[in-house]
Amino acid sequence: MTQNTRPPQTRLPLRPSQIRHRHFNERRRGLDPVEIRSFLHEVADELAVAQKALVAVQEENVRIKSALRAWQSAQAANHRYR
């Protein structure tokens, strides 16, 4: 391996471009480089989709928490003046 030699616990999350551009040392009787490259692109595409979905879920979570806080504040205000 030529990249990301840090221990796993200190690595930043992989980005799809890191997967697409990853290079491995060549060996005499190694695997088919075209097949490896194709697989890495497939994995990178799936990672990009997963990361976009994660961002969407995080944004929805913020929206829901904000709406819940607003609702709780309104309910607290209604109960104070009864």
C-alpha atoms as a PDB file:
ATOM      1  CA  MET A   1       0.000   0.000   0.000  1.00  0.00           C
ATOM      2  CA  THR A   2       1.245   3.464  -0.794  1.00  0.00           C
ATOM      3  CA  GLN A   3      -1.312   5.649   0.999  1.00  0.00           C
ATOM      4  CA  ASN A   4      -2.994   5.835   4.403  1.00  0.00           C
ATOM      5  CA  THR A   5      -0.235   4.219   6.405  1.00  0.00           C
ATOM      6  CA  ARG A   6      -1.572   5.701   9.663  1.00  0.00           C
ATOM      7  CA  PRO A   7      -3.279   3.337  12.119  1.00  0.00           C
ATOM      8  CA  PRO A   8      -7.015   2.864  11.358  1.00  0.00           C
ATOM      9  CA  GLN A   9      -8.173   4.753  14.464  1.00  0.00           C
ATOM     10  CA  THR A  10      -6.460   7.974  13.282  1.00  0.00           C
ATOM     11  CA  ARG A  11      -7.518   7.851   9.621  1.00  0.00           C
ATOM     12  CA  LEU A  12     -10.047  10.264   8.247  1.00  0.00           C
ATOM     13  CA  PRO A  13     -13.081   8.772   6.458  1.00  0.00           C
ATOM     14  CA  LEU A  14     -12.334   7.612   2.932  1.00  0.00           C
ATOM     15  CA  ARG A  15     -13.489   9.760   0.070  1.00  0.00           C
ATOM     16  CA  PRO A  16     -14.583   8.217  -3.231  1.00  0.00           C
ATOM     17  CA  SER A  17     -11.698   9.929  -5.051  1.00  0.00           C
ATOM     18  CA  GLN A  18      -9.215   8.234  -2.690  1.00  0.00           C
ATOM     19  CA  ILE A  19     -10.614   4.857  -3.655  1.00  0.00           C
ATOM     20  CA  ARG A  20     -10.659   5.639  -7.382  1.00  0.00           C
ATOM     21  CA  HIS A  21      -7.033   6.803  -7.364  1.00  0.00           C
ATOM     22  CA  ARG A  22      -5.615   4.188  -5.000  1.00  0.00           C
ATOM     23  CA  HIS A  23      -2.523   2.420  -6.301  1.00  0.00           C
ATOM     24  CA  PHE A  24      -1.077  -0.872  -5.140  1.00  0.00           C
ATOM     25  CA  ASN A  25       2.361  -2.353  -5.538  1.00  0.00           C
ATOM     26  CA  GLU A  26       2.636  -4.655  -8.518  1.00  0.00           C
ATOM     27  CA  ARG A  27       3.709  -8.240  -8.039  1.00  0.00           C
ATOM     28  CA  ARG A  28       4.871 -10.720 -10.595  1.00  0.00           C
ATOM     29  CA  ARG A  29       1.835 -12.979 -10.316  1.00  0.00           C
ATOM     30  CA  GLY A  30      -0.566 -10.380  -8.984  1.00  0.00           C
ATOM     31  CA  LEU A  31      -4.219  -9.769  -9.673  1.00  0.00           C
ATOM     32  CA  ASP A  32      -5.616  -8.263 -12.871  1.00  0.00           C
ATOM     33  CA  PRO A  33      -5.085  -4.484 -12.545  1.00  0.00           C
ATOM     34  CA  VAL A  34      -8.066  -3.717 -14.795  1.00  0.00           C
ATOM     35  CA  GLU A  35     -10.349  -5.837 -12.626  1.00  0.00           C
ATOM     36  CA  ILE A  36      -9.024  -4.186  -9.472  1.00  0.00           C
ATOM     37  CA  ARG A  37      -9.490  -0.689 -10.927  1.00  0.00           C
ATOM     38  CA  SER A  38     -13.049  -1.553 -12.007  1.00  0.00           C
ATOM     39  CA  PHE A  39     -13.874  -2.854  -8.539  1.00  0.00           C
ATOM     40  CA  LEU A  40     -12.391   0.226  -6.855  1.00  0.00           C
ATOM     41  CA  HIS A  41     -14.538   2.480  -9.032  1.00  0.00           C
ATOM     42  CA  GLU A  42     -17.622   0.459  -8.124  1.00  0.00           C
ATOM     43  CA  VAL A  43     -16.807   0.712  -4.413  1.00  0.00           C
ATOM     44  CA  ALA A  44     -16.124   4.450  -4.747  1.00  0.00           C
ATOM     45  CA  ASP A  45     -19.501   4.984  -6.438  1.00  0.00           C
ATOM     46  CA  GLU A  46     -21.291   3.106  -3.654  1.00  0.00           C
ATOM     47  CA  LEU A  47     -19.387   5.088  -1.027  1.00  0.00           C
ATOM     48  CA  ALA A  48     -20.395   8.365  -2.690  1.00  0.00           C
ATOM     49  CA  VAL A  49     -24.060   7.327  -2.610  1.00  0.00           C
ATOM     50  CA  ALA A  50     -23.800   6.272   1.041  1.00  0.00           C
ATOM     51  CA  GLN A  51     -22.103   9.522   2.019  1.00  0.00           C
ATOM     52  CA  LYS A  52     -24.786  11.590   0.266  1.00  0.00           C
ATOM     53  CA  ALA A  53     -27.490   9.592   2.042  1.00  0.00           C
ATOM     54  CA  LEU A  54     -25.734  10.135   5.370  1.00  0.00           C
ATOM     55  CA  VAL A  55     -25.639  13.902   4.814  1.00  0.00           C
ATOM     56  CA  ALA A  56     -29.352  13.877   3.930  1.00  0.00           C
ATOM     57  CA  VAL A  57     -30.180  11.918   7.096  1.00  0.00           C
ATOM     58  CA  GLN A  58     -28.065  14.264   9.229  1.00  0.00           C
ATOM     59  CA  GLU A  59     -29.817  17.307   7.749  1.00  0.00           C
ATOM     60  CA  GLU A  60     -33.224  15.706   8.365  1.00  0.00           C
ATOM     61  CA  ASN A  61     -32.176  14.939  11.930  1.00  0.00           C
ATOM     62  CA  VAL A  62     -31.297  18.609  12.505  1.00  0.00           C
ATOM     63  CA  ARG A  63     -34.646  19.671  11.009  1.00  0.00           C
ATOM     64  CA  ILE A  64     -36.596  17.240  13.184  1.00  0.00           C
ATOM     65  CA  LYS A  65     -34.735  18.255  16.359  1.00  0.00           C
ATOM     66  CA  SER A  66     -35.378  21.909  15.598  1.00  0.00           C
ATOM     67  CA  ALA A  67     -39.077  21.254  15.017  1.00  0.00           C
ATOM     68  CA  LEU A  68     -39.261  19.237  18.246  1.00  0.00           C
ATOM     69  CA  ARG A  69     -37.623  22.049  20.231  1.00  0.00           C
ATOM     70  CA  ALA A  70     -40.059  24.571  18.760  1.00  0.00           C
ATOM     71  CA  TRP A  71     -43.009  22.304  19.590  1.00  0.00           C
ATOM     72  CA  GLN A  72     -41.736  21.724  23.137  1.00  0.00           C
ATOM     73  CA  SER A  73     -41.304  25.465  23.658  1.00  0.00           C
ATOM     74  CA  ALA A  74     -44.831  26.126  22.412  1.00  0.00           C
ATOM     75  CA  GLN A  75     -46.228  23.413  24.680  1.00  0.00           C
ATOM     76  CA  ALA A  76     -44.326  24.771  27.688  1.00  0.00           C
ATOM     77  CA  ALA A  77     -45.616  28.281  26.970  1.00  0.00           C
ATOM     78  CA  ASN A  78     -49.215  26.994  26.706  1.00  0.00           C
ATOM     79  CA  HIS A  79     -48.981  25.165  30.034  1.00  0.00           C
ATOM     80  CA  ARG A  80     -47.466  28.100  31.937  1.00  0.00           C
ATOM     81  CA  TYR A  81     -50.432  30.381  31.440  1.00  0.00           C
ATOM     82  CA  ARG A  82     -53.256  27.995  32.277  1.00  0.00           C
END
